[in-house]
Amino acid sequence: MRQVAFFSVAPYERPILEQAAFPNTTCLFHAEPLSDDTLALARDAEVLCVFIYDRLDAARLAQLPALRCVVTRSTGYDHIDLAACAARSIRVCYVPSYGENTVAEHAFALLLALARQLKLCFRKAEAHDFGLEGLEGFDLKGKTLGVVGAGRIGLNAVRIGRGFGMDVLAYDVRELPELAAREGFRYVPLDALLARADVVTLHTALTPETRHLIDRAALARMKPSAILINTARGPVVDTAALCEALEAGRLAGAGLDVFEGEEWLKEEAELLRPDLSPEKRQALTLCHTLLSRDDVVLTPHSAFFTREGVARLLETSLENIGDYLAGKPCHQAGA
């Protein structure tokens, strides 16, 4: 009997995943993340279905002799060692498209929260303070939106920005002039985008080239009045550099659904350890710094989390599993 093991199964996912029926296959569902402590639960699995916090590096893969396919319930797959999988002929499948409008809408939710001082508005209203002091916002109409990564999600951000009456610039390694003409935006180099945009929204995958794409030098190119939005991946932004720019007044605000070290912050027991590593300690400190600021809106990697987005995500993930088991092509990472 073939075995499929699901990890990091959330309560909202279980009813949908448990309806899956694959011929001659046993499905095991684990709420726990895949870790060194739970790896034994996957020892006999031919297929692993994981989420973004389930890291599969070469050391873990070596302990899974039966594994032939990894299906991640996400668009990003930087948590999976593709080279190690390729060396073992392990197929890696992902979800190429499920939340292009969903994530773009969340990016604008973060932006509007900053533009209209909603964090402070909520705090004042809860304190029964209905004065307007400190609540002045700004219009989106007439501002310049810079979209870094003009793929499926980025293109939806372009459309939403245009709907608000914004002038839209985009940076992408692959330029499609006909698309730009049709959608009403202009491609520019990254440095030009950073210098001209009133709002920079990130929609790029995490790769070695994009890690810390927004670093101290990039932040220095931005207007002091600019807003940075990140719904892509945390390490695309150098968090320490971001905190420095905000503290020095070189950036007006940031809306973050993702941030460096977010996977560690989900592990409360790990953070209470007396031997906490310097890297994890810094992530915790920087997160608390960001949370304390009125010019930062931070959400817990929830941009994907809508009823419709989750349904599409799980549907495609189950299709990937079914296609693999049936010997059909699936959405393969790196293909």
C-alpha atoms as a PDB file:
ATOM      1  CA  MET A   1       0.000   0.000   0.000  1.00  0.00           C
ATOM      2  CA  ARG A   2       1.423   3.369  -1.022  1.00  0.00           C
ATOM      3  CA  GLN A   3       1.590   6.033   1.687  1.00  0.00           C
ATOM      4  CA  VAL A   4       1.020   9.784   1.605  1.00  0.00           C
ATOM      5  CA  ALA A   5       1.933  11.730   4.754  1.00  0.00           C
ATOM      6  CA  PHE A   6       0.586  15.237   5.334  1.00  0.00           C
ATOM      7  CA  PHE A   7       2.348  17.554   7.803  1.00  0.00           C
ATOM      8  CA  SER A   8       1.426  20.903   9.376  1.00  0.00           C
ATOM      9  CA  VAL A   9      -2.241  20.129   8.736  1.00  0.00           C
ATOM     10  CA  ALA A  10      -4.287  23.029  10.101  1.00  0.00           C
ATOM     11  CA  PRO A  11      -7.822  22.527  11.431  1.00  0.00           C
ATOM     12  CA  TYR A  12      -9.273  24.416   8.464  1.00  0.00           C
ATOM     13  CA  GLU A  13      -7.429  22.108   6.032  1.00  0.00           C
ATOM     14  CA  ARG A  14      -8.253  18.740   7.541  1.00  0.00           C
ATOM     15  CA  PRO A  15     -11.903  18.416   6.379  1.00  0.00           C
ATOM     16  CA  ILE A  16     -10.877  19.068   2.775  1.00  0.00           C
ATOM     17  CA  LEU A  17      -7.747  16.916   2.799  1.00  0.00           C
ATOM     18  CA  GLU A  18      -9.475  13.975   4.460  1.00  0.00           C
ATOM     19  CA  GLN A  19     -11.947  13.806   1.581  1.00  0.00           C
ATOM     20  CA  ALA A  20      -9.137  12.844  -0.776  1.00  0.00           C
ATOM     21  CA  ALA A  21      -9.302   9.276  -2.020  1.00  0.00           C
ATOM     22  CA  PHE A  22      -6.359   7.797  -3.917  1.00  0.00           C
ATOM     23  CA  PRO A  23      -6.486   4.146  -5.102  1.00  0.00           C
ATOM     24  CA  ASN A  24      -4.394   1.685  -3.073  1.00  0.00           C
ATOM     25  CA  THR A  25      -3.043   4.504  -0.953  1.00  0.00           C
ATOM     26  CA  THR A  26      -3.027   5.244   2.773  1.00  0.00           C
ATOM     27  CA  CYS A  27      -3.134   8.890   3.835  1.00  0.00           C
ATOM     28  CA  LEU A  28      -1.767   9.979   7.215  1.00  0.00           C
ATOM     29  CA  PHE A  29      -2.510  13.450   8.590  1.00  0.00           C
ATOM     30  CA  HIS A  30      -0.256  15.150  11.132  1.00  0.00           C
ATOM     31  CA  ALA A  31      -0.942  18.524  12.723  1.00  0.00           C
ATOM     32  CA  GLU A  32       2.706  18.723  13.750  1.00  0.00           C
ATOM     33  CA  PRO A  33       5.278  20.284  11.416  1.00  0.00           C
ATOM     34  CA  LEU A  34       7.897  18.095   9.819  1.00  0.00           C
ATOM     35  CA  SER A  35      10.932  18.334  12.077  1.00  0.00           C
ATOM     36  CA  ASP A  36      13.738  16.167  13.401  1.00  0.00           C
ATOM     37  CA  ASP A  37      11.349  15.044  16.155  1.00  0.00           C
ATOM     38  CA  THR A  38       8.549  14.020  13.760  1.00  0.00           C
ATOM     39  CA  LEU A  39      10.622  12.743  10.846  1.00  0.00           C
ATOM     40  CA  ALA A  40      10.031   9.125  11.870  1.00  0.00           C
ATOM     41  CA  LEU A  41       6.332   9.587  11.063  1.00  0.00           C
ATOM     42  CA  ALA A  42       7.318  10.039   7.405  1.00  0.00           C
ATOM     43  CA  ARG A  43       9.786   7.163   7.153  1.00  0.00           C
ATOM     44  CA  ASP A  44       7.508   4.963   5.006  1.00  0.00           C
ATOM     45  CA  ALA A  45       5.917   7.743   2.976  1.00  0.00           C
ATOM     46  CA  GLU A  46       6.245   7.720  -0.796  1.00  0.00           C
ATOM     47  CA  VAL A  47       4.667  11.189  -0.934  1.00  0.00           C
ATOM     48  CA  LEU A  48       5.042  14.034   1.537  1.00  0.00           C
ATOM     49  CA  CYS A  49       2.591  16.924   1.494  1.00  0.00           C
ATOM     50  CA  VAL A  50       4.109  19.837   3.414  1.00  0.00           C
ATOM     51  CA  PHE A  51       3.737  23.551   4.142  1.00  0.00           C
ATOM     52  CA  ILE A  52       6.273  26.386   4.113  1.00  0.00           C
ATOM     53  CA  TYR A  53       7.524  25.745   7.657  1.00  0.00           C
ATOM     54  CA  ASP A  54       8.326  22.088   6.924  1.00  0.00           C
ATOM     55  CA  ARG A  55      11.990  22.232   5.958  1.00  0.00           C
ATOM     56  CA  LEU A  56      13.330  19.404   3.826  1.00  0.00           C
ATOM     57  CA  ASP A  57      17.099  19.631   3.594  1.00  0.00           C
ATOM     58  CA  ALA A  58      19.571  16.989   2.453  1.00  0.00           C
ATOM     59  CA  ALA A  59      20.015  15.579   5.963  1.00  0.00           C
ATOM     60  CA  ARG A  60      16.295  14.990   6.442  1.00  0.00           C
ATOM     61  CA  LEU A  61      15.809  13.638   2.927  1.00  0.00           C
ATOM     62  CA  ALA A  62      18.541  11.076   3.589  1.00  0.00           C
ATOM     63  CA  GLN A  63      16.393   9.611   6.364  1.00  0.00           C
ATOM     64  CA  LEU A  64      13.381   9.089   4.085  1.00  0.00           C
ATOM     65  CA  PRO A  65      14.312   6.110   1.866  1.00  0.00           C
ATOM     66  CA  ALA A  66      10.804   5.577   0.485  1.00  0.00           C
ATOM     67  CA  LEU A  67      10.242   9.184  -0.560  1.00  0.00           C
ATOM     68  CA  ARG A  68       9.604   9.777  -4.257  1.00  0.00           C
ATOM     69  CA  CYS A  69       7.528  12.967  -4.336  1.00  0.00           C
ATOM     70  CA  VAL A  70       7.192  16.132  -2.244  1.00  0.00           C
ATOM     71  CA  VAL A  71       4.075  18.250  -2.683  1.00  0.00           C
ATOM     72  CA  THR A  72       4.152  21.647  -1.011  1.00  0.00           C
ATOM     73  CA  ARG A  73       0.928  23.475  -0.276  1.00  0.00           C
ATOM     74  CA  SER A  74       2.429  26.773  -1.401  1.00  0.00           C
ATOM     75  CA  THR A  75       3.723  28.661  -4.389  1.00  0.00           C
ATOM     76  CA  GLY A  76       7.167  29.130  -2.856  1.00  0.00           C
ATOM     77  CA  TYR A  77       9.426  26.107  -2.401  1.00  0.00           C
ATOM     78  CA  ASP A  78      12.561  27.613  -0.885  1.00  0.00           C
ATOM     79  CA  HIS A  79      12.023  25.346   2.156  1.00  0.00           C
ATOM     80  CA  ILE A  80      12.873  22.317   0.010  1.00  0.00           C
ATOM     81  CA  ASP A  81      16.398  21.408  -1.147  1.00  0.00           C
ATOM     82  CA  LEU A  82      15.733  20.954  -4.861  1.00  0.00           C
ATOM     83  CA  ALA A  83      19.275  19.805  -5.638  1.00  0.00           C
ATOM     84  CA  ALA A  84      19.135  17.074  -2.997  1.00  0.00           C
ATOM     85  CA  CYS A  85      15.741  15.981  -4.310  1.00  0.00           C
ATOM     86  CA  ALA A  86      17.017  15.892  -7.887  1.00  0.00           C
ATOM     87  CA  ALA A  87      19.980  13.749  -6.812  1.00  0.00           C
ATOM     88  CA  ARG A  88      17.485  11.210  -5.467  1.00  0.00           C
ATOM     89  CA  SER A  89      15.040  11.602  -8.396  1.00  0.00           C
ATOM     90  CA  ILE A  90      12.429  12.919  -5.964  1.00  0.00           C
ATOM     91  CA  ARG A  91       9.787  14.969  -7.743  1.00  0.00           C
ATOM     92  CA  VAL A  92       8.878  18.314  -6.122  1.00  0.00           C
ATOM     93  CA  CYS A  93       5.456  19.752  -6.913  1.00  0.00           C
ATOM     94  CA  TYR A  94       4.078  23.173  -5.979  1.00  0.00           C
ATOM     95  CA  VAL A  95       1.015  25.361  -6.521  1.00  0.00           C
ATOM     96  CA  PRO A  96       1.838  27.820  -9.309  1.00  0.00           C
ATOM     97  CA  SER A  97      -1.370  29.816  -9.052  1.00  0.00           C
ATOM     98  CA  TYR A  98      -3.989  30.059  -6.332  1.00  0.00           C
ATOM     99  CA  GLY A  99      -3.860  33.470  -4.717  1.00  0.00           C
ATOM    100  CA  GLU A 100      -2.717  36.026  -7.249  1.00  0.00           C
ATOM    101  CA  ASN A 101      -5.631  38.311  -6.404  1.00  0.00           C
ATOM    102  CA  THR A 102      -5.754  37.148  -2.773  1.00  0.00           C
ATOM    103  CA  VAL A 103      -2.188  38.158  -1.903  1.00  0.00           C
ATOM    104  CA  ALA A 104      -2.331  41.373  -3.937  1.00  0.00           C
ATOM    105  CA  GLU A 105      -5.488  42.413  -2.080  1.00  0.00           C
ATOM    106  CA  HIS A 106      -3.746  41.807   1.257  1.00  0.00           C
ATOM    107  CA  ALA A 107      -0.816  43.963   0.125  1.00  0.00           C
ATOM    108  CA  PHE A 108      -3.252  46.823  -0.372  1.00  0.00           C
ATOM    109  CA  ALA A 109      -4.921  46.092   2.965  1.00  0.00           C
ATOM    110  CA  LEU A 110      -1.516  46.662   4.568  1.00  0.00           C
ATOM    111  CA  LEU A 111      -0.976  49.780   2.491  1.00  0.00           C
ATOM    112  CA  LEU A 112      -4.364  51.266   3.335  1.00  0.00           C
ATOM    113  CA  ALA A 113      -3.830  50.521   7.026  1.00  0.00           C
ATOM    114  CA  LEU A 114      -0.660  52.622   6.853  1.00  0.00           C
ATOM    115  CA  ALA A 115      -2.076  55.308   4.579  1.00  0.00           C
ATOM    116  CA  ARG A 116      -5.006  55.917   6.930  1.00  0.00           C
ATOM    117  CA  GLN A 117      -3.216  55.334  10.265  1.00  0.00           C
ATOM    118  CA  LEU A 118      -5.564  52.472  11.143  1.00  0.00           C
ATOM    119  CA  LYS A 119      -3.279  50.996  13.811  1.00  0.00           C
ATOM    120  CA  LEU A 120      -3.409  54.243  15.782  1.00  0.00           C
ATOM    121  CA  CYS A 121      -7.094  54.795  14.904  1.00  0.00           C
ATOM    122  CA  PHE A 122      -8.048  51.464  16.472  1.00  0.00           C
ATOM    123  CA  ARG A 123      -5.978  52.146  19.576  1.00  0.00           C
ATOM    124  CA  LYS A 124      -7.509  55.608  20.085  1.00  0.00           C
ATOM    125  CA  ALA A 125     -11.069  54.379  19.499  1.00  0.00           C
ATOM    126  CA  GLU A 126     -10.612  51.530  21.985  1.00  0.00           C
ATOM    127  CA  ALA A 127      -9.496  54.158  24.521  1.00  0.00           C
ATOM    128  CA  HIS A 128     -12.635  56.230  23.715  1.00  0.00           C
ATOM    129  CA  ASP A 129     -10.410  58.950  22.274  1.00  0.00           C
ATOM    130  CA  PHE A 130     -12.122  60.285  19.138  1.00  0.00           C
ATOM    131  CA  GLY A 131      -9.812  63.212  18.472  1.00  0.00           C
ATOM    132  CA  LEU A 132      -7.996  63.454  15.146  1.00  0.00           C
ATOM    133  CA  GLU A 133      -4.534  64.246  16.498  1.00  0.00           C
ATOM    134  CA  GLY A 134      -1.883  62.114  14.793  1.00  0.00           C
ATOM    135  CA  LEU A 135      -4.360  60.502  12.383  1.00  0.00           C
ATOM    136  CA  GLU A 136      -3.709  62.438   9.188  1.00  0.00           C
ATOM    137  CA  GLY A 137      -3.310  60.019   6.289  1.00  0.00           C
ATOM    138  CA  PHE A 138      -2.594  60.344   2.590  1.00  0.00           C
ATOM    139  CA  ASP A 139      -4.395  59.561  -0.667  1.00  0.00           C
ATOM    140  CA  LEU A 140      -3.256  56.768  -2.954  1.00  0.00           C
ATOM    141  CA  LYS A 141      -4.563  58.585  -6.025  1.00  0.00           C
ATOM    142  CA  GLY A 142      -1.744  60.319  -7.846  1.00  0.00           C
ATOM    143  CA  LYS A 143       1.001  58.443  -5.999  1.00  0.00           C
ATOM    144  CA  THR A 144       3.565  56.223  -7.738  1.00  0.00           C
ATOM    145  CA  LEU A 145       3.383  52.494  -7.037  1.00  0.00           C
ATOM    146  CA  GLY A 146       6.521  50.419  -7.607  1.00  0.00           C
ATOM    147  CA  VAL A 147       5.875  46.692  -8.117  1.00  0.00           C
ATOM    148  CA  VAL A 148       8.936  44.480  -7.689  1.00  0.00           C
ATOM    149  CA  GLY A 149       8.140  41.209  -9.445  1.00  0.00           C
ATOM    150  CA  ALA A 150       5.452  41.587 -12.095  1.00  0.00           C
ATOM    151  CA  GLY A 151       4.295  37.987 -12.224  1.00  0.00           C
ATOM    152  CA  ARG A 152       0.794  36.730 -11.448  1.00  0.00           C
ATOM    153  CA  ILE A 153       0.498  38.418  -8.041  1.00  0.00           C
ATOM    154  CA  GLY A 154       2.440  41.498  -9.068  1.00  0.00           C
ATOM    155  CA  LEU A 155       0.218  41.988 -12.090  1.00  0.00           C
ATOM    156  CA  ASN A 156      -2.847  41.984  -9.842  1.00  0.00           C
ATOM    157  CA  ALA A 157      -1.120  44.585  -7.670  1.00  0.00           C
ATOM    158  CA  VAL A 158      -0.605  46.656 -10.826  1.00  0.00           C
ATOM    159  CA  ARG A 159      -4.308  46.453 -11.634  1.00  0.00           C
ATOM    160  CA  ILE A 160      -5.392  47.372  -8.112  1.00  0.00           C
ATOM    161  CA  GLY A 161      -2.970  50.290  -8.047  1.00  0.00           C
ATOM    162  CA  ARG A 162      -4.289  51.523 -11.381  1.00  0.00           C
ATOM    163  CA  GLY A 163      -7.809  51.248  -9.950  1.00  0.00           C
ATOM    164  CA  PHE A 164      -6.782  53.637  -7.167  1.00  0.00           C
ATOM    165  CA  GLY A 165      -5.499  56.103  -9.757  1.00  0.00           C
ATOM    166  CA  MET A 166      -1.825  55.412  -9.086  1.00  0.00           C
ATOM    167  CA  ASP A 167       0.983  55.702 -11.610  1.00  0.00           C
ATOM    168  CA  VAL A 168       2.569  52.232 -11.750  1.00  0.00           C
ATOM    169  CA  LEU A 169       6.195  51.264 -12.340  1.00  0.00           C
ATOM    170  CA  ALA A 170       7.416  47.658 -12.359  1.00  0.00           C
ATOM    171  CA  TYR A 171      10.726  45.846 -12.160  1.00  0.00           C
ATOM    172  CA  ASP A 172      11.049  42.286 -13.378  1.00  0.00           C
ATOM    173  CA  VAL A 173      13.893  40.210 -14.790  1.00  0.00           C
ATOM    174  CA  ARG A 174      11.564  39.305 -17.666  1.00  0.00           C
ATOM    175  CA  GLU A 175       9.941  42.282 -19.375  1.00  0.00           C
ATOM    176  CA  LEU A 176       6.816  41.899 -21.516  1.00  0.00           C
ATOM    177  CA  PRO A 177       6.280  45.241 -23.289  1.00  0.00           C
ATOM    178  CA  GLU A 178       2.922  44.242 -24.788  1.00  0.00           C
ATOM    179  CA  LEU A 179       1.628  43.344 -21.318  1.00  0.00           C
ATOM    180  CA  ALA A 180       2.872  46.646 -19.899  1.00  0.00           C
ATOM    181  CA  ALA A 181       1.141  48.587 -22.669  1.00  0.00           C
ATOM    182  CA  ARG A 182      -2.101  46.697 -22.157  1.00  0.00           C
ATOM    183  CA  GLU A 183      -2.122  47.049 -18.355  1.00  0.00           C
ATOM    184  CA  GLY A 184      -0.881  50.640 -18.264  1.00  0.00           C
ATOM    185  CA  PHE A 185       2.446  50.366 -16.417  1.00  0.00           C
ATOM    186  CA  ARG A 186       6.110  50.952 -17.274  1.00  0.00           C
ATOM    187  CA  TYR A 187       9.140  48.761 -16.710  1.00  0.00           C
ATOM    188  CA  VAL A 188      12.112  50.511 -15.118  1.00  0.00           C
ATOM    189  CA  PRO A 189      15.385  49.341 -13.526  1.00  0.00           C
ATOM    190  CA  LEU A 190      15.153  48.500  -9.819  1.00  0.00           C
ATOM    191  CA  ASP A 191      17.205  51.526  -8.731  1.00  0.00           C
ATOM    192  CA  ALA A 192      14.901  53.861 -10.658  1.00  0.00           C
ATOM    193  CA  LEU A 193      11.808  52.224  -9.193  1.00  0.00           C
ATOM    194  CA  LEU A 194      13.114  52.562  -5.640  1.00  0.00           C
ATOM    195  CA  ALA A 195      13.996  56.220  -6.165  1.00  0.00           C
ATOM    196  CA  ARG A 196      10.681  57.220  -7.758  1.00  0.00           C
ATOM    197  CA  ALA A 197       8.038  55.127  -5.988  1.00  0.00           C
ATOM    198  CA  ASP A 198       5.911  56.411  -3.127  1.00  0.00           C
ATOM    199  CA  VAL A 199       4.974  52.801  -2.383  1.00  0.00           C
ATOM    200  CA  VAL A 200       7.159  49.760  -3.089  1.00  0.00           C
ATOM    201  CA  THR A 201       5.379  46.392  -2.972  1.00  0.00           C
ATOM    202  CA  LEU A 202       7.370  43.148  -3.213  1.00  0.00           C
ATOM    203  CA  HIS A 203       6.061  40.166  -5.184  1.00  0.00           C
ATOM    204  CA  THR A 204       9.208  38.241  -6.054  1.00  0.00           C
ATOM    205  CA  ALA A 205      10.194  34.676  -5.239  1.00  0.00           C
ATOM    206  CA  LEU A 206      12.962  34.025  -2.710  1.00  0.00           C
ATOM    207  CA  THR A 207      16.115  32.974  -4.555  1.00  0.00           C
ATOM    208  CA  PRO A 208      19.817  33.465  -3.828  1.00  0.00           C
ATOM    209  CA  GLU A 209      19.604  36.563  -6.043  1.00  0.00           C
ATOM    210  CA  THR A 210      16.621  38.096  -4.205  1.00  0.00           C
ATOM    211  CA  ARG A 211      17.746  37.355  -0.635  1.00  0.00           C
ATOM    212  CA  HIS A 212      18.160  40.788   0.991  1.00  0.00           C
ATOM    213  CA  LEU A 213      17.244  42.424  -2.316  1.00  0.00           C
ATOM    214  CA  ILE A 214      15.984  45.272  -0.124  1.00  0.00           C
ATOM    215  CA  ASP A 215      19.085  45.956   1.933  1.00  0.00           C
ATOM    216  CA  ARG A 216      20.610  49.121   3.389  1.00  0.00           C
ATOM    217  CA  ALA A 217      21.665  50.384  -0.022  1.00  0.00           C
ATOM    218  CA  ALA A 218      18.229  49.767  -1.529  1.00  0.00           C
ATOM    219  CA  LEU A 219      16.458  51.423   1.399  1.00  0.00           C
ATOM    220  CA  ALA A 220      18.778  54.430   1.088  1.00  0.00           C
ATOM    221  CA  ARG A 221      17.559  54.922  -2.501  1.00  0.00           C
ATOM    222  CA  MET A 222      13.920  55.173  -1.398  1.00  0.00           C
ATOM    223  CA  LYS A 223      12.151  58.410  -0.525  1.00  0.00           C
ATOM    224  CA  PRO A 224      11.923  59.178   3.216  1.00  0.00           C
ATOM    225  CA  SER A 225       8.174  59.492   2.634  1.00  0.00           C
ATOM    226  CA  ALA A 226       7.906  56.057   0.977  1.00  0.00           C
ATOM    227  CA  ILE A 227       6.101  52.948   2.217  1.00  0.00           C
ATOM    228  CA  LEU A 228       7.463  49.395   1.843  1.00  0.00           C
ATOM    229  CA  ILE A 229       5.065  46.440   1.553  1.00  0.00           C
ATOM    230  CA  ASN A 230       6.245  42.809   1.699  1.00  0.00           C
ATOM    231  CA  THR A 231       3.872  39.918   1.068  1.00  0.00           C
ATOM    232  CA  ALA A 232       6.519  37.852  -0.758  1.00  0.00           C
ATOM    233  CA  ARG A 233       9.098  36.188   1.502  1.00  0.00           C
ATOM    234  CA  GLY A 234      10.675  37.577   4.664  1.00  0.00           C
ATOM    235  CA  PRO A 235      14.359  37.303   3.667  1.00  0.00           C
ATOM    236  CA  VAL A 236      13.787  39.448   0.570  1.00  0.00           C
ATOM    237  CA  VAL A 237      14.122  42.317   3.073  1.00  0.00           C
ATOM    238  CA  ASP A 238      17.043  42.803   5.454  1.00  0.00           C
ATOM    239  CA  THR A 239      15.038  43.256   8.657  1.00  0.00           C
ATOM    240  CA  ALA A 240      17.845  44.869  10.630  1.00  0.00           C
ATOM    241  CA  ALA A 241      18.362  47.419   7.850  1.00  0.00           C
ATOM    242  CA  LEU A 242      14.614  48.068   7.720  1.00  0.00           C
ATOM    243  CA  CYS A 243      14.465  48.757  11.468  1.00  0.00           C
ATOM    244  CA  GLU A 244      17.402  51.155  11.142  1.00  0.00           C
ATOM    245  CA  ALA A 245      15.750  53.043   8.271  1.00  0.00           C
ATOM    246  CA  LEU A 246      12.468  53.393  10.151  1.00  0.00           C
ATOM    247  CA  GLU A 247      14.190  54.522  13.349  1.00  0.00           C
ATOM    248  CA  ALA A 248      16.262  57.105  11.460  1.00  0.00           C
ATOM    249  CA  GLY A 249      13.211  58.463   9.627  1.00  0.00           C
ATOM    250  CA  ARG A 250      14.576  57.395   6.236  1.00  0.00           C
ATOM    251  CA  LEU A 251      11.361  55.456   5.521  1.00  0.00           C
ATOM    252  CA  ALA A 252       7.786  56.424   6.392  1.00  0.00           C
ATOM    253  CA  GLY A 253       6.415  52.970   7.120  1.00  0.00           C
ATOM    254  CA  ALA A 254       6.276  49.265   6.348  1.00  0.00           C
ATOM    255  CA  GLY A 255       3.495  46.726   5.912  1.00  0.00           C
ATOM    256  CA  LEU A 256       4.792  43.196   6.429  1.00  0.00           C
ATOM    257  CA  ASP A 257       2.999  39.892   6.111  1.00  0.00           C
ATOM    258  CA  VAL A 258       6.339  38.067   6.086  1.00  0.00           C
ATOM    259  CA  PHE A 259       9.611  38.716   7.873  1.00  0.00           C
ATOM    260  CA  GLU A 260      12.883  36.996   8.611  1.00  0.00           C
ATOM    261  CA  GLY A 261      12.688  34.346  11.304  1.00  0.00           C
ATOM    262  CA  GLU A 262       8.892  34.082  11.285  1.00  0.00           C
ATOM    263  CA  GLU A 263       9.145  30.281  11.347  1.00  0.00           C
ATOM    264  CA  TRP A 264      11.008  30.423  14.660  1.00  0.00           C
ATOM    265  CA  LEU A 265       8.492  32.788  16.230  1.00  0.00           C
ATOM    266  CA  LYS A 266       5.822  30.131  15.746  1.00  0.00           C
ATOM    267  CA  GLU A 267       7.791  27.788  18.026  1.00  0.00           C
ATOM    268  CA  GLU A 268       7.182  29.270  21.474  1.00  0.00           C
ATOM    269  CA  ALA A 269       8.958  26.442  23.303  1.00  0.00           C
ATOM    270  CA  GLU A 270      12.038  26.957  21.146  1.00  0.00           C
ATOM    271  CA  LEU A 271      12.137  30.665  21.959  1.00  0.00           C
ATOM    272  CA  LEU A 272      12.052  29.962  25.699  1.00  0.00           C
ATOM    273  CA  ARG A 273      15.219  27.864  25.586  1.00  0.00           C
ATOM    274  CA  PRO A 274      18.103  29.372  27.599  1.00  0.00           C
ATOM    275  CA  ASP A 275      20.543  28.431  24.812  1.00  0.00           C
ATOM    276  CA  LEU A 276      18.621  30.319  22.123  1.00  0.00           C
ATOM    277  CA  SER A 277      20.905  30.910  19.156  1.00  0.00           C
ATOM    278  CA  PRO A 278      22.036  34.474  18.364  1.00  0.00           C
ATOM    279  CA  GLU A 279      20.227  34.281  15.007  1.00  0.00           C
ATOM    280  CA  LYS A 280      16.912  33.360  16.627  1.00  0.00           C
ATOM    281  CA  ARG A 281      17.379  35.880  19.418  1.00  0.00           C
ATOM    282  CA  GLN A 282      17.953  38.646  16.875  1.00  0.00           C
ATOM    283  CA  ALA A 283      14.824  37.619  14.926  1.00  0.00           C
ATOM    284  CA  LEU A 284      12.764  37.805  18.120  1.00  0.00           C
ATOM    285  CA  THR A 285      14.222  41.194  19.063  1.00  0.00           C
ATOM    286  CA  LEU A 286      13.634  42.670  15.602  1.00  0.00           C
ATOM    287  CA  CYS A 287      10.064  41.368  15.521  1.00  0.00           C
ATOM    288  CA  HIS A 288       9.305  43.038  18.857  1.00  0.00           C
ATOM    289  CA  THR A 289      10.889  46.247  17.549  1.00  0.00           C
ATOM    290  CA  LEU A 290       8.637  46.220  14.490  1.00  0.00           C
ATOM    291  CA  LEU A 291       5.510  45.405  16.504  1.00  0.00           C
ATOM    292  CA  SER A 292       6.112  48.359  18.801  1.00  0.00           C
ATOM    293  CA  ARG A 293       6.120  50.908  15.986  1.00  0.00           C
ATOM    294  CA  ASP A 294       3.030  52.864  14.868  1.00  0.00           C
ATOM    295  CA  ASP A 295       4.517  53.112  11.365  1.00  0.00           C
ATOM    296  CA  VAL A 296       4.593  49.322  10.924  1.00  0.00           C
ATOM    297  CA  VAL A 297       1.666  46.985  10.292  1.00  0.00           C
ATOM    298  CA  LEU A 298       2.597  43.341  10.706  1.00  0.00           C
ATOM    299  CA  THR A 299       0.377  40.327   9.962  1.00  0.00           C
ATOM    300  CA  PRO A 300       1.201  36.631  10.595  1.00  0.00           C
ATOM    301  CA  HIS A 301       1.805  35.389   7.025  1.00  0.00           C
ATOM    302  CA  SER A 302      -1.933  35.458   6.422  1.00  0.00           C
ATOM    303  CA  ALA A 303      -2.061  37.064   2.969  1.00  0.00           C
ATOM    304  CA  PHE A 304      -3.022  33.729   1.395  1.00  0.00           C
ATOM    305  CA  PHE A 305      -5.656  32.960   4.014  1.00  0.00           C
ATOM    306  CA  THR A 306      -9.069  33.494   2.485  1.00  0.00           C
ATOM    307  CA  ARG A 307     -11.820  30.948   2.024  1.00  0.00           C
ATOM    308  CA  GLU A 308     -11.399  31.000  -1.727  1.00  0.00           C
ATOM    309  CA  GLY A 309      -7.605  31.084  -1.704  1.00  0.00           C
ATOM    310  CA  VAL A 310      -7.281  28.105   0.638  1.00  0.00           C
ATOM    311  CA  ALA A 311      -9.785  26.094  -1.415  1.00  0.00           C
ATOM    312  CA  ARG A 312      -7.771  26.674  -4.588  1.00  0.00           C
ATOM    313  CA  LEU A 313      -4.509  25.909  -2.787  1.00  0.00           C
ATOM    314  CA  LEU A 314      -5.690  22.579  -1.420  1.00  0.00           C
ATOM    315  CA  GLU A 315      -7.432  21.586  -4.640  1.00  0.00           C
ATOM    316  CA  THR A 316      -4.234  22.017  -6.652  1.00  0.00           C
ATOM    317  CA  SER A 317      -2.141  20.254  -4.003  1.00  0.00           C
ATOM    318  CA  LEU A 318      -4.455  17.224  -4.085  1.00  0.00           C
ATOM    319  CA  GLU A 319      -4.382  17.275  -7.884  1.00  0.00           C
ATOM    320  CA  ASN A 320      -0.581  17.206  -7.746  1.00  0.00           C
ATOM    321  CA  ILE A 321      -0.656  14.159  -5.486  1.00  0.00           C
ATOM    322  CA  GLY A 322      -3.214  12.393  -7.639  1.00  0.00           C
ATOM    323  CA  ASP A 323      -1.310  13.136 -10.842  1.00  0.00           C
ATOM    324  CA  TYR A 324       1.940  11.818  -9.384  1.00  0.00           C
ATOM    325  CA  LEU A 325       0.310   8.618  -8.129  1.00  0.00           C
ATOM    326  CA  ALA A 326      -1.305   8.104 -11.542  1.00  0.00           C
ATOM    327  CA  GLY A 327       1.988   8.630 -13.329  1.00  0.00           C
ATOM    328  CA  LYS A 328       0.885  11.908 -14.911  1.00  0.00           C
ATOM    329  CA  PRO A 329       2.781  15.218 -15.108  1.00  0.00           C
ATOM    330  CA  CYS A 330       2.188  17.646 -12.237  1.00  0.00           C
ATOM    331  CA  HIS A 331       3.237  21.196 -11.435  1.00  0.00           C
ATOM    332  CA  GLN A 332       6.902  20.448 -10.922  1.00  0.00           C
ATOM    333  CA  ALA A 333       9.242  22.946  -9.262  1.00  0.00           C
ATOM    334  CA  GLY A 334      12.141  24.018 -11.409  1.00  0.00           C
ATOM    335  CA  ALA A 335      10.587  22.548 -14.554  1.00  0.00           C
END
